[in-house]
N, C-alpha and C. Protein backbone atom coordinates (compact mmCIF):
# COMPACT_ATOMS: atom_id res chain seq x y z
N MET A 1 -93.79 59.66 130.24
CA MET A 1 -94.83 58.84 130.83
C MET A 1 -94.95 57.55 130.04
N TYR A 2 -95.32 56.48 130.74
CA TYR A 2 -95.38 55.16 130.12
C TYR A 2 -96.82 54.77 129.85
N ASP A 3 -97.06 54.17 128.71
CA ASP A 3 -98.41 53.75 128.32
C ASP A 3 -98.63 52.30 128.73
N TYR A 4 -98.99 52.09 130.01
CA TYR A 4 -99.24 50.74 130.52
C TYR A 4 -100.37 50.06 129.78
N LEU A 5 -101.40 50.82 129.48
CA LEU A 5 -102.56 50.25 128.82
C LEU A 5 -102.21 49.66 127.46
N LEU A 6 -101.42 50.37 126.68
CA LEU A 6 -100.98 49.87 125.39
C LEU A 6 -100.18 48.59 125.55
N GLU A 7 -99.28 48.58 126.52
CA GLU A 7 -98.44 47.40 126.76
C GLU A 7 -99.28 46.20 127.18
N PHE A 8 -100.23 46.39 128.11
CA PHE A 8 -101.07 45.29 128.56
C PHE A 8 -101.93 44.76 127.42
N CYS A 9 -102.50 45.66 126.62
CA CYS A 9 -103.32 45.22 125.49
C CYS A 9 -102.50 44.43 124.48
N LYS A 10 -101.28 44.90 124.23
CA LYS A 10 -100.40 44.21 123.29
C LYS A 10 -100.11 42.78 123.79
N ASN A 11 -99.82 42.66 125.09
CA ASN A 11 -99.52 41.35 125.67
C ASN A 11 -100.72 40.41 125.66
N LEU A 12 -101.93 40.96 125.71
CA LEU A 12 -103.14 40.15 125.74
C LEU A 12 -103.78 40.01 124.37
N ASP A 13 -103.13 40.53 123.34
CA ASP A 13 -103.66 40.49 121.97
C ASP A 13 -105.04 41.14 121.88
N ILE A 14 -105.17 42.27 122.55
CA ILE A 14 -106.38 43.08 122.49
C ILE A 14 -105.98 44.38 121.78
N ASN A 15 -106.73 44.74 120.75
CA ASN A 15 -106.45 46.01 120.07
C ASN A 15 -106.88 47.17 120.95
N ILE A 16 -106.19 48.28 120.82
CA ILE A 16 -106.57 49.49 121.54
C ILE A 16 -106.61 50.65 120.56
N ILE A 17 -107.65 51.45 120.68
CA ILE A 17 -107.79 52.64 119.85
C ILE A 17 -108.02 53.81 120.80
N TYR A 18 -107.19 54.85 120.67
CA TYR A 18 -107.38 56.05 121.48
C TYR A 18 -108.29 57.01 120.73
N THR A 19 -109.23 57.60 121.46
CA THR A 19 -110.24 58.47 120.85
C THR A 19 -110.25 59.85 121.51
N ASN A 20 -111.01 60.73 120.94
CA ASN A 20 -111.28 62.05 121.52
C ASN A 20 -112.79 62.27 121.59
N ASN A 21 -113.52 61.24 121.99
CA ASN A 21 -114.98 61.35 122.09
C ASN A 21 -115.37 62.44 123.08
N ASN A 22 -116.55 63.01 122.86
CA ASN A 22 -117.03 64.05 123.76
C ASN A 22 -117.53 63.50 125.09
N LEU A 23 -118.05 62.28 125.10
CA LEU A 23 -118.66 61.74 126.30
C LEU A 23 -118.09 60.38 126.71
N THR A 24 -117.98 59.47 125.76
CA THR A 24 -117.56 58.10 126.08
C THR A 24 -116.05 58.02 126.25
N ILE A 25 -115.62 57.55 127.43
CA ILE A 25 -114.18 57.42 127.67
C ILE A 25 -113.70 55.98 127.51
N LEU A 26 -114.61 55.01 127.66
CA LEU A 26 -114.26 53.60 127.47
C LEU A 26 -115.40 52.88 126.78
N SER A 27 -115.05 52.14 125.74
CA SER A 27 -116.03 51.29 125.07
C SER A 27 -115.27 50.13 124.44
N PHE A 28 -115.97 49.25 123.80
CA PHE A 28 -115.35 48.07 123.22
C PHE A 28 -115.99 47.79 121.87
N SER A 29 -115.31 46.97 121.12
CA SER A 29 -115.87 46.44 119.88
C SER A 29 -115.09 45.18 119.55
N VAL A 30 -115.55 44.49 118.54
CA VAL A 30 -114.82 43.32 118.05
C VAL A 30 -114.59 43.56 116.58
N ASN A 31 -113.34 43.66 116.17
CA ASN A 31 -112.98 43.90 114.79
C ASN A 31 -112.25 42.69 114.23
N LYS A 32 -112.85 42.06 113.23
CA LYS A 32 -112.26 40.89 112.58
C LYS A 32 -111.89 39.81 113.59
N GLY A 33 -112.78 39.59 114.56
CA GLY A 33 -112.56 38.54 115.55
C GLY A 33 -111.60 38.90 116.66
N THR A 34 -111.11 40.13 116.69
CA THR A 34 -110.17 40.55 117.73
C THR A 34 -110.85 41.57 118.63
N PRO A 35 -110.81 41.34 119.95
CA PRO A 35 -111.40 42.32 120.86
C PRO A 35 -110.63 43.64 120.79
N THR A 36 -111.38 44.73 120.83
CA THR A 36 -110.80 46.06 120.73
C THR A 36 -111.38 46.94 121.83
N ILE A 37 -110.50 47.62 122.54
CA ILE A 37 -110.93 48.58 123.55
C ILE A 37 -110.69 49.97 122.99
N ARG A 38 -111.73 50.81 123.09
CA ARG A 38 -111.63 52.20 122.66
C ARG A 38 -111.51 53.05 123.93
N VAL A 39 -110.42 53.81 124.02
CA VAL A 39 -110.09 54.55 125.24
C VAL A 39 -109.86 56.02 124.89
N HIS A 40 -110.43 56.89 125.70
CA HIS A 40 -110.22 58.32 125.49
C HIS A 40 -108.76 58.67 125.75
N ASN A 41 -108.25 59.62 125.01
CA ASN A 41 -106.85 60.05 125.13
C ASN A 41 -106.44 60.49 126.55
N ILE A 42 -107.40 60.94 127.36
CA ILE A 42 -107.04 61.37 128.71
C ILE A 42 -106.52 60.21 129.56
N LEU A 43 -106.82 58.98 129.14
CA LEU A 43 -106.36 57.79 129.88
C LEU A 43 -105.13 57.16 129.25
N LYS A 44 -104.57 57.79 128.24
CA LYS A 44 -103.46 57.19 127.50
C LYS A 44 -102.26 56.88 128.38
N ASN A 45 -101.86 57.75 129.24
CA ASN A 45 -100.70 57.51 130.11
C ASN A 45 -101.13 57.39 131.56
N CYS A 46 -102.23 56.70 131.78
CA CYS A 46 -102.75 56.54 133.14
C CYS A 46 -101.80 55.69 133.98
N PRO A 47 -101.93 55.76 135.29
CA PRO A 47 -101.10 54.92 136.15
C PRO A 47 -101.37 53.43 135.91
N GLU A 48 -100.41 52.61 136.27
CA GLU A 48 -100.52 51.16 136.05
C GLU A 48 -101.79 50.59 136.69
N LYS A 49 -102.12 51.05 137.89
CA LYS A 49 -103.31 50.57 138.60
C LYS A 49 -104.58 50.82 137.79
N ILE A 50 -104.64 51.96 137.13
CA ILE A 50 -105.82 52.31 136.33
C ILE A 50 -105.85 51.47 135.06
N ALA A 51 -104.70 51.24 134.44
CA ALA A 51 -104.64 50.39 133.25
C ALA A 51 -105.11 48.97 133.59
N ILE A 52 -104.70 48.47 134.74
CA ILE A 52 -105.14 47.14 135.18
C ILE A 52 -106.66 47.14 135.39
N ALA A 53 -107.18 48.20 135.98
CA ALA A 53 -108.63 48.29 136.19
C ALA A 53 -109.39 48.33 134.87
N ILE A 54 -108.86 49.03 133.89
CA ILE A 54 -109.52 49.10 132.57
C ILE A 54 -109.55 47.71 131.93
N ILE A 55 -108.41 47.05 131.89
CA ILE A 55 -108.36 45.70 131.31
C ILE A 55 -109.27 44.76 132.10
N GLY A 56 -109.19 44.83 133.43
CA GLY A 56 -110.02 43.97 134.27
C GLY A 56 -111.50 44.21 134.08
N TYR A 57 -111.89 45.46 133.89
CA TYR A 57 -113.30 45.80 133.69
C TYR A 57 -113.86 45.07 132.47
N PHE A 58 -113.06 44.98 131.43
CA PHE A 58 -113.53 44.34 130.20
C PHE A 58 -113.34 42.82 130.18
N THR A 59 -112.42 42.30 130.99
CA THR A 59 -112.09 40.87 130.87
C THR A 59 -112.45 40.03 132.10
N GLU A 60 -112.81 40.66 133.21
CA GLU A 60 -113.13 39.92 134.44
C GLU A 60 -114.53 40.30 134.94
N PRO A 61 -115.58 39.71 134.39
CA PRO A 61 -116.93 40.11 134.78
C PRO A 61 -117.22 39.89 136.27
N GLU A 62 -116.54 38.92 136.88
CA GLU A 62 -116.78 38.66 138.31
C GLU A 62 -116.24 39.79 139.20
N HIS A 63 -115.33 40.61 138.67
CA HIS A 63 -114.76 41.73 139.42
C HIS A 63 -115.05 43.07 138.74
N LYS A 64 -115.99 43.07 137.82
CA LYS A 64 -116.29 44.25 137.02
C LYS A 64 -116.62 45.47 137.89
N ASP A 65 -117.42 45.28 138.94
CA ASP A 65 -117.82 46.40 139.78
C ASP A 65 -116.63 47.00 140.53
N ALA A 66 -115.73 46.15 141.01
CA ALA A 66 -114.55 46.65 141.72
C ALA A 66 -113.66 47.47 140.78
N HIS A 67 -113.47 46.96 139.57
CA HIS A 67 -112.66 47.70 138.58
C HIS A 67 -113.34 49.02 138.22
N LEU A 68 -114.64 48.99 138.07
CA LEU A 68 -115.39 50.20 137.72
C LEU A 68 -115.26 51.25 138.84
N ASN A 69 -115.30 50.82 140.09
CA ASN A 69 -115.14 51.75 141.21
C ASN A 69 -113.76 52.41 141.20
N ILE A 70 -112.73 51.64 140.88
CA ILE A 70 -111.37 52.20 140.78
C ILE A 70 -111.33 53.26 139.69
N LEU A 71 -111.94 52.94 138.55
CA LEU A 71 -111.96 53.90 137.43
C LEU A 71 -112.74 55.16 137.79
N LYS A 72 -113.89 54.99 138.43
CA LYS A 72 -114.71 56.16 138.80
C LYS A 72 -113.99 57.03 139.82
N ASN A 73 -113.33 56.42 140.78
CA ASN A 73 -112.57 57.19 141.77
C ASN A 73 -111.43 57.96 141.12
N TYR A 74 -110.76 57.32 140.17
CA TYR A 74 -109.68 57.99 139.44
C TYR A 74 -110.23 59.20 138.66
N MET A 75 -111.33 58.98 137.97
CA MET A 75 -111.91 60.08 137.19
C MET A 75 -112.36 61.21 138.11
N LYS A 76 -112.92 60.87 139.26
CA LYS A 76 -113.38 61.89 140.21
C LYS A 76 -112.20 62.72 140.74
N GLU A 77 -111.06 62.04 141.00
CA GLU A 77 -109.89 62.74 141.51
C GLU A 77 -109.19 63.58 140.44
N GLU A 78 -108.99 63.00 139.27
CA GLU A 78 -108.20 63.65 138.21
C GLU A 78 -109.01 64.60 137.34
N PHE A 79 -110.28 64.30 137.11
CA PHE A 79 -111.13 65.09 136.22
C PHE A 79 -112.48 65.33 136.90
N PRO A 80 -112.50 66.08 138.01
CA PRO A 80 -113.71 66.18 138.83
C PRO A 80 -114.92 66.80 138.13
N TYR A 81 -114.71 67.61 137.13
CA TYR A 81 -115.84 68.28 136.49
C TYR A 81 -116.23 67.65 135.15
N MET A 82 -115.58 66.59 134.79
CA MET A 82 -115.84 65.98 133.48
C MET A 82 -117.03 65.02 133.57
N LYS A 83 -117.94 65.17 132.62
CA LYS A 83 -119.03 64.19 132.48
C LYS A 83 -118.56 63.15 131.48
N TYR A 84 -118.77 61.88 131.80
CA TYR A 84 -118.27 60.81 130.94
C TYR A 84 -119.19 59.60 130.99
N LYS A 85 -118.97 58.72 130.03
CA LYS A 85 -119.74 57.48 129.93
C LYS A 85 -118.76 56.33 129.71
N ILE A 86 -119.03 55.19 130.36
CA ILE A 86 -118.25 53.97 130.16
C ILE A 86 -119.21 52.90 129.67
N THR A 87 -118.93 52.34 128.51
CA THR A 87 -119.78 51.31 127.95
C THR A 87 -119.32 49.94 128.44
N PRO A 88 -120.20 49.18 129.07
CA PRO A 88 -119.80 47.85 129.58
C PRO A 88 -119.56 46.86 128.44
N PRO A 89 -118.70 45.87 128.68
CA PRO A 89 -118.43 44.86 127.65
C PRO A 89 -119.60 43.90 127.53
N ASN A 90 -119.68 43.23 126.40
CA ASN A 90 -120.70 42.20 126.25
C ASN A 90 -120.05 40.82 126.32
N LYS A 91 -120.86 39.77 126.27
CA LYS A 91 -120.38 38.39 126.41
C LYS A 91 -119.41 38.03 125.30
N ASN A 92 -119.67 38.48 124.08
CA ASN A 92 -118.81 38.17 122.93
C ASN A 92 -117.40 38.70 123.15
N PHE A 93 -117.28 39.93 123.65
CA PHE A 93 -115.97 40.52 123.91
C PHE A 93 -115.24 39.69 124.95
N LYS A 94 -115.92 39.32 126.03
CA LYS A 94 -115.32 38.55 127.11
C LYS A 94 -114.82 37.20 126.59
N GLU A 95 -115.61 36.52 125.78
CA GLU A 95 -115.21 35.21 125.25
C GLU A 95 -113.96 35.33 124.37
N LEU A 96 -113.94 36.34 123.51
CA LEU A 96 -112.78 36.53 122.64
C LEU A 96 -111.53 36.89 123.43
N SER A 97 -111.66 37.76 124.42
CA SER A 97 -110.48 38.14 125.20
C SER A 97 -110.01 36.96 126.04
N ASP A 98 -110.93 36.11 126.53
CA ASP A 98 -110.53 34.90 127.26
C ASP A 98 -109.69 33.98 126.38
N LYS A 99 -110.12 33.80 125.12
CA LYS A 99 -109.36 32.95 124.19
C LYS A 99 -107.96 33.52 123.97
N ASN A 100 -107.88 34.83 123.77
CA ASN A 100 -106.58 35.47 123.56
C ASN A 100 -105.68 35.33 124.77
N ILE A 101 -106.24 35.55 125.97
CA ILE A 101 -105.46 35.44 127.19
C ILE A 101 -104.99 34.01 127.39
N ALA A 102 -105.86 33.03 127.12
CA ALA A 102 -105.48 31.62 127.26
C ALA A 102 -104.37 31.26 126.29
N CYS A 103 -104.45 31.73 125.05
CA CYS A 103 -103.41 31.43 124.05
C CYS A 103 -102.08 32.05 124.46
N ILE A 104 -102.10 33.25 124.93
CA ILE A 104 -100.86 33.92 125.34
C ILE A 104 -100.27 33.21 126.54
N SER A 105 -101.11 32.86 127.52
CA SER A 105 -100.62 32.16 128.71
C SER A 105 -99.98 30.83 128.33
N LYS A 106 -100.61 30.10 127.42
CA LYS A 106 -100.06 28.81 127.00
C LYS A 106 -98.71 29.01 126.33
N GLY A 107 -98.60 30.02 125.46
CA GLY A 107 -97.34 30.29 124.78
C GLY A 107 -96.24 30.67 125.74
N GLN A 108 -96.58 31.45 126.77
CA GLN A 108 -95.57 31.85 127.75
C GLN A 108 -95.13 30.67 128.59
N GLU A 109 -96.06 29.75 128.92
CA GLU A 109 -95.69 28.57 129.69
C GLU A 109 -94.71 27.71 128.91
N GLU A 110 -94.93 27.59 127.61
CA GLU A 110 -94.05 26.77 126.79
C GLU A 110 -92.65 27.38 126.71
N LYS A 111 -92.56 28.71 126.72
CA LYS A 111 -91.27 29.38 126.61
C LYS A 111 -90.48 29.34 127.91
N SER A 112 -91.20 29.35 129.04
CA SER A 112 -90.49 29.42 130.32
C SER A 112 -90.04 28.04 130.75
N ALA A 113 -88.93 27.99 131.42
CA ALA A 113 -88.41 26.75 131.97
C ALA A 113 -87.78 27.07 133.32
N LEU A 114 -87.98 26.16 134.26
CA LEU A 114 -87.37 26.36 135.56
C LEU A 114 -85.92 25.92 135.51
N ILE A 115 -85.09 26.69 136.13
CA ILE A 115 -83.67 26.37 136.21
C ILE A 115 -83.31 26.30 137.68
N GLU A 116 -82.76 25.20 138.09
CA GLU A 116 -82.33 25.07 139.47
C GLU A 116 -80.83 25.31 139.52
N LEU A 117 -80.43 26.21 140.41
CA LEU A 117 -79.03 26.56 140.56
C LEU A 117 -78.53 26.16 141.94
N ASN A 118 -77.27 25.81 142.02
CA ASN A 118 -76.66 25.48 143.30
C ASN A 118 -76.13 26.74 143.94
N ILE A 119 -76.50 26.97 145.20
CA ILE A 119 -76.00 28.11 145.96
C ILE A 119 -74.66 27.71 146.55
N SER A 120 -73.63 28.48 146.21
CA SER A 120 -72.31 28.15 146.72
C SER A 120 -71.97 28.94 147.98
N ASN A 121 -72.59 30.12 148.15
CA ASN A 121 -72.28 30.94 149.32
C ASN A 121 -73.43 31.89 149.60
N ILE A 122 -73.67 32.14 150.89
CA ILE A 122 -74.67 33.11 151.31
C ILE A 122 -73.98 34.07 152.28
N THR A 123 -74.08 35.36 151.99
CA THR A 123 -73.53 36.38 152.88
C THR A 123 -74.67 37.22 153.42
N VAL A 124 -74.68 37.42 154.75
CA VAL A 124 -75.75 38.16 155.41
C VAL A 124 -75.15 39.42 156.02
N LYS A 125 -75.82 40.55 155.79
CA LYS A 125 -75.38 41.82 156.35
C LYS A 125 -76.53 42.38 157.17
N ASP A 126 -76.27 42.71 158.44
CA ASP A 126 -77.34 43.24 159.28
C ASP A 126 -77.41 44.76 159.21
N PHE A 127 -78.31 45.33 159.96
CA PHE A 127 -78.57 46.76 159.96
C PHE A 127 -77.33 47.56 160.36
N TYR A 128 -76.50 47.00 161.19
CA TYR A 128 -75.32 47.70 161.69
C TYR A 128 -74.09 47.52 160.81
N GLY A 129 -74.23 46.78 159.71
CA GLY A 129 -73.10 46.57 158.80
C GLY A 129 -72.28 45.33 159.11
N ASN A 130 -72.68 44.55 160.10
CA ASN A 130 -71.98 43.30 160.42
C ASN A 130 -72.25 42.29 159.31
N ILE A 131 -71.18 41.67 158.81
CA ILE A 131 -71.28 40.72 157.71
C ILE A 131 -70.89 39.34 158.21
N SER A 132 -71.68 38.33 157.81
CA SER A 132 -71.32 36.96 158.16
C SER A 132 -71.69 36.03 157.01
N ASP A 133 -70.93 34.98 156.87
CA ASP A 133 -71.22 33.96 155.86
C ASP A 133 -72.08 32.88 156.49
N VAL A 134 -73.02 32.37 155.69
CA VAL A 134 -73.91 31.31 156.14
C VAL A 134 -73.72 30.13 155.22
N ASN A 135 -73.65 28.95 155.80
CA ASN A 135 -73.55 27.73 155.00
C ASN A 135 -74.84 27.57 154.20
N PRO A 136 -74.75 27.30 152.91
CA PRO A 136 -75.95 27.18 152.07
C PRO A 136 -76.92 26.09 152.52
N THR A 137 -76.46 25.15 153.32
CA THR A 137 -77.36 24.09 153.78
C THR A 137 -78.03 24.45 155.11
N GLU A 138 -77.63 25.56 155.72
CA GLU A 138 -78.21 25.99 156.99
C GLU A 138 -79.38 26.94 156.74
N SER A 139 -80.27 27.00 157.70
CA SER A 139 -81.37 27.96 157.58
C SER A 139 -80.92 29.31 158.13
N ILE A 140 -81.58 30.37 157.68
CA ILE A 140 -81.26 31.72 158.13
C ILE A 140 -82.39 32.16 159.05
N ASN A 141 -82.07 32.48 160.29
CA ASN A 141 -83.08 32.92 161.24
C ASN A 141 -83.06 34.44 161.33
N ILE A 142 -84.23 35.04 161.16
CA ILE A 142 -84.33 36.50 161.16
C ILE A 142 -85.38 36.89 162.18
N SER A 143 -85.01 37.79 163.10
CA SER A 143 -86.03 38.30 164.03
C SER A 143 -86.82 39.39 163.30
N GLU A 144 -87.99 39.71 163.79
CA GLU A 144 -88.85 40.63 163.06
C GLU A 144 -88.34 42.07 163.04
N ASN A 145 -87.40 42.42 163.90
CA ASN A 145 -86.89 43.80 163.94
C ASN A 145 -85.56 43.98 163.22
N GLU A 146 -84.98 42.91 162.70
CA GLU A 146 -83.69 43.02 162.01
C GLU A 146 -83.90 43.39 160.55
N PHE A 147 -83.04 44.27 160.07
CA PHE A 147 -83.03 44.60 158.66
C PHE A 147 -81.83 43.90 158.06
N LEU A 148 -82.03 43.15 157.00
CA LEU A 148 -80.94 42.35 156.45
C LEU A 148 -80.75 42.59 154.97
N GLU A 149 -79.55 42.38 154.56
CA GLU A 149 -79.22 42.30 153.14
C GLU A 149 -78.64 40.90 152.96
N ILE A 150 -79.18 40.15 152.04
CA ILE A 150 -78.72 38.78 151.82
C ILE A 150 -78.20 38.67 150.39
N GLU A 151 -77.00 38.15 150.25
CA GLU A 151 -76.40 37.97 148.93
C GLU A 151 -76.22 36.47 148.70
N PHE A 152 -76.75 35.98 147.61
CA PHE A 152 -76.60 34.59 147.23
C PHE A 152 -75.62 34.49 146.08
N ILE A 153 -74.63 33.63 146.21
CA ILE A 153 -73.69 33.36 145.13
C ILE A 153 -74.01 31.96 144.62
N VAL A 154 -74.25 31.86 143.31
CA VAL A 154 -74.60 30.56 142.74
C VAL A 154 -73.46 30.07 141.86
N ASP A 155 -73.38 28.74 141.74
CA ASP A 155 -72.37 28.15 140.86
C ASP A 155 -72.69 28.51 139.42
N PRO A 156 -71.67 28.70 138.61
CA PRO A 156 -71.90 29.01 137.20
C PRO A 156 -72.62 27.86 136.51
N ILE A 157 -73.43 28.23 135.51
CA ILE A 157 -74.16 27.22 134.74
C ILE A 157 -73.19 26.66 133.71
N THR A 158 -73.06 25.35 133.69
CA THR A 158 -72.13 24.73 132.74
C THR A 158 -72.86 24.00 131.63
N ASN A 159 -74.14 23.77 131.77
CA ASN A 159 -74.91 23.08 130.75
C ASN A 159 -75.24 24.06 129.63
N SER A 160 -74.90 23.76 128.40
CA SER A 160 -75.09 24.67 127.29
C SER A 160 -76.57 24.81 126.89
N ASN A 161 -77.47 23.98 127.44
CA ASN A 161 -78.89 24.10 127.14
C ASN A 161 -79.52 25.35 127.76
N TYR A 162 -78.84 25.93 128.75
CA TYR A 162 -79.35 27.13 129.40
C TYR A 162 -78.73 28.32 128.78
């Protein structure tokens, strides 16, 4: 099983601590200026959708209720008899996580660069296995009932900067 929550927290520079609390399954704190989410071990390998809801609950106050509903529905389905408590985030946590998210986003923007490649050939395969080549300067028309496989061949990159 994959720990989406750990990965998302790592990418957002949010600390995560797994607990075995008797009642509280989600809470937050701020340790040395870093936002920290405390999560019960039962959520350690939760589905990606639930990990997104947990992060969103703490970092998106405008959608907090929607994220909370996703979490409550998950808990109701997976742990129907468990009594639990979720501690809402405060303004300080939100401000710190916003700064971390903004810093990470800025760093990722600086690292990414768009590369434009020349398409040298396009091959289209329909549902019946018929194959045809399409000129890269022509448009491809697809009816809504056709299933297609499209293969793009691009010219090799010759610039050593890429």
